[in-house]
């Protein structure tokens, strides 16, 4: 991930996704675009996914909100994004 303003903001909506996040993030880290950021918007998860992200993926932006629906989470991710292009992903991609 690049420290300057990224060209692409990848926004992942998470709800209890601990079983999916390692594989998804590994796949994203292997892609070839150099200018990107990853934002994870958690929607009130009850599993250990937020703790996992904060411990194992410290360079990610992780935001937490109550579960107010998918559109709410997407909007919070868009607000946190700084890229020119926004890509929204579910945890099971």
C-alpha atoms as a PDB file:
ATOM      1  CA  UNK A   1       0.000   0.000   0.000  1.00  0.00           C
ATOM      2  CA  UNK A   2       1.190   3.480  -0.808  1.00  0.00           C
ATOM      3  CA  UNK A   3       1.482   6.318   1.733  1.00  0.00           C
ATOM      4  CA  UNK A   4       0.481   9.083  -0.722  1.00  0.00           C
ATOM      5  CA  UNK A   5      -3.127   9.620  -1.728  1.00  0.00           C
ATOM      6  CA  UNK A   6      -4.220   6.289  -3.199  1.00  0.00           C
ATOM      7  CA  UNK A   7      -5.799   5.912  -6.606  1.00  0.00           C
ATOM      8  CA  UNK A   8      -8.130   3.103  -5.452  1.00  0.00           C
ATOM      9  CA  UNK A   9      -9.917   2.667  -2.129  1.00  0.00           C
ATOM     10  CA  UNK A  10     -10.978  -0.920  -1.492  1.00  0.00           C
ATOM     11  CA  UNK A  11     -13.816  -0.922   1.030  1.00  0.00           C
ATOM     12  CA  UNK A  12     -14.644  -4.210   2.722  1.00  0.00           C
ATOM     13  CA  UNK A  13     -17.906  -4.516   4.611  1.00  0.00           C
ATOM     14  CA  UNK A  14     -17.403  -6.952   7.488  1.00  0.00           C
ATOM     15  CA  UNK A  15     -19.857  -8.726   9.753  1.00  0.00           C
ATOM     16  CA  UNK A  16     -18.470 -11.740  11.635  1.00  0.00           C
ATOM     17  CA  UNK A  17     -16.022 -12.404   8.816  1.00  0.00           C
ATOM     18  CA  UNK A  18     -13.061 -13.854  10.674  1.00  0.00           C
ATOM     19  CA  UNK A  19     -13.194 -17.047   8.592  1.00  0.00           C
ATOM     20  CA  UNK A  20     -13.091 -15.098   5.318  1.00  0.00           C
ATOM     21  CA  UNK A  21     -10.800 -12.136   5.988  1.00  0.00           C
ATOM     22  CA  UNK A  22      -7.365 -13.852   5.865  1.00  0.00           C
ATOM     23  CA  UNK A  23      -7.951 -15.266   2.384  1.00  0.00           C
ATOM     24  CA  UNK A  24      -9.531 -12.064   1.063  1.00  0.00           C
ATOM     25  CA  UNK A  25      -6.745  -9.848   2.371  1.00  0.00           C
ATOM     26  CA  UNK A  26      -4.055 -12.200   1.090  1.00  0.00           C
ATOM     27  CA  UNK A  27      -5.633 -12.001  -2.353  1.00  0.00           C
ATOM     28  CA  UNK A  28      -5.772  -8.198  -2.229  1.00  0.00           C
ATOM     29  CA  UNK A  29      -2.125  -7.929  -1.174  1.00  0.00           C
ATOM     30  CA  UNK A  30      -1.111 -10.012  -4.221  1.00  0.00           C
ATOM     31  CA  UNK A  31      -2.843  -7.805  -6.808  1.00  0.00           C
ATOM     32  CA  UNK A  32      -0.716  -5.545  -9.013  1.00  0.00           C
ATOM     33  CA  UNK A  33      -2.106  -2.043  -8.495  1.00  0.00           C
ATOM     34  CA  UNK A  34       0.426  -0.076  -6.481  1.00  0.00           C
ATOM     35  CA  UNK A  35      -1.644   2.896  -5.368  1.00  0.00           C
ATOM     36  CA  UNK A  36      -4.420   1.602  -3.136  1.00  0.00           C
ATOM     37  CA  UNK A  37      -5.747   1.565   0.393  1.00  0.00           C
ATOM     38  CA  UNK A  38      -7.930  -0.962   2.181  1.00  0.00           C
ATOM     39  CA  UNK A  39     -10.707   0.158   4.495  1.00  0.00           C
ATOM     40  CA  UNK A  40     -12.688  -2.341   6.564  1.00  0.00           C
ATOM     41  CA  UNK A  41     -16.036  -1.194   7.891  1.00  0.00           C
ATOM     42  CA  UNK A  42     -17.223  -3.492  10.657  1.00  0.00           C
ATOM     43  CA  UNK A  43     -20.965  -3.694  11.267  1.00  0.00           C
ATOM     44  CA  UNK A  44     -21.153  -4.846  14.870  1.00  0.00           C
ATOM     45  CA  UNK A  45     -19.319  -8.158  14.572  1.00  0.00           C
ATOM     46  CA  UNK A  46     -19.520 -10.553  17.509  1.00  0.00           C
ATOM     47  CA  UNK A  47     -16.558 -12.696  16.437  1.00  0.00           C
ATOM     48  CA  UNK A  48     -12.876 -11.782  16.779  1.00  0.00           C
ATOM     49  CA  UNK A  49     -12.543 -10.247  13.307  1.00  0.00           C
ATOM     50  CA  UNK A  50     -11.889  -6.676  14.477  1.00  0.00           C
ATOM     51  CA  UNK A  51      -9.236  -7.834  16.936  1.00  0.00           C
ATOM     52  CA  UNK A  52      -7.651  -9.947  14.195  1.00  0.00           C
ATOM     53  CA  UNK A  53      -7.540  -6.986  11.796  1.00  0.00           C
ATOM     54  CA  UNK A  54      -6.049  -4.628  14.361  1.00  0.00           C
ATOM     55  CA  UNK A  55      -3.403  -7.155  15.408  1.00  0.00           C
ATOM     56  CA  UNK A  56      -2.434  -8.728  12.075  1.00  0.00           C
ATOM     57  CA  UNK A  57      -3.150  -5.926   9.574  1.00  0.00           C
ATOM     58  CA  UNK A  58      -2.137  -2.691  11.258  1.00  0.00           C
ATOM     59  CA  UNK A  59      -1.846  -0.711   8.014  1.00  0.00           C
ATOM     60  CA  UNK A  60      -5.550  -1.090   7.231  1.00  0.00           C
ATOM     61  CA  UNK A  61      -8.138   1.486   8.170  1.00  0.00           C
ATOM     62  CA  UNK A  62     -10.664  -0.262  10.420  1.00  0.00           C
ATOM     63  CA  UNK A  63     -13.841   1.516  11.449  1.00  0.00           C
ATOM     64  CA  UNK A  64     -16.604   0.071  13.630  1.00  0.00           C
ATOM     65  CA  UNK A  65     -20.283   0.929  13.669  1.00  0.00           C
ATOM     66  CA  UNK A  66     -23.476  -0.721  14.891  1.00  0.00           C
ATOM     67  CA  UNK A  67     -25.161  -2.901  12.278  1.00  0.00           C
ATOM     68  CA  UNK A  68     -27.339  -0.373  10.487  1.00  0.00           C
ATOM     69  CA  UNK A  69     -27.393  -2.220   7.182  1.00  0.00           C
ATOM     70  CA  UNK A  70     -25.191  -2.668   4.153  1.00  0.00           C
ATOM     71  CA  UNK A  71     -25.831   0.739   2.603  1.00  0.00           C
ATOM     72  CA  UNK A  72     -24.965   2.480   5.875  1.00  0.00           C
ATOM     73  CA  UNK A  73     -21.652   0.592   6.049  1.00  0.00           C
ATOM     74  CA  UNK A  74     -20.852   1.378   2.407  1.00  0.00           C
ATOM     75  CA  UNK A  75     -21.479   5.070   3.016  1.00  0.00           C
ATOM     76  CA  UNK A  76     -19.188   5.072   6.074  1.00  0.00           C
ATOM     77  CA  UNK A  77     -16.482   3.412   3.988  1.00  0.00           C
ATOM     78  CA  UNK A  78     -16.892   5.959   1.211  1.00  0.00           C
ATOM     79  CA  UNK A  79     -16.561   8.778   3.747  1.00  0.00           C
ATOM     80  CA  UNK A  80     -13.292   7.278   5.045  1.00  0.00           C
ATOM     81  CA  UNK A  81     -11.892   6.720   1.550  1.00  0.00           C
ATOM     82  CA  UNK A  82      -9.350   8.980  -0.073  1.00  0.00           C
ATOM     83  CA  UNK A  83      -8.961   7.242  -3.430  1.00  0.00           C
ATOM     84  CA  UNK A  84     -10.252   8.442  -6.779  1.00  0.00           C
ATOM     85  CA  UNK A  85     -12.020   5.107  -7.352  1.00  0.00           C
ATOM     86  CA  UNK A  86     -14.015   3.139  -4.793  1.00  0.00           C
ATOM     87  CA  UNK A  87     -14.293  -0.658  -4.873  1.00  0.00           C
ATOM     88  CA  UNK A  88     -16.767  -2.288  -2.492  1.00  0.00           C
ATOM     89  CA  UNK A  89     -16.198  -5.920  -1.493  1.00  0.00           C
ATOM     90  CA  UNK A  90     -18.021  -8.378   0.681  1.00  0.00           C
ATOM     91  CA  UNK A  91     -15.907 -10.563   2.948  1.00  0.00           C
ATOM     92  CA  UNK A  92     -16.681 -13.735   0.998  1.00  0.00           C
ATOM     93  CA  UNK A  93     -15.239 -12.528  -2.329  1.00  0.00           C
END
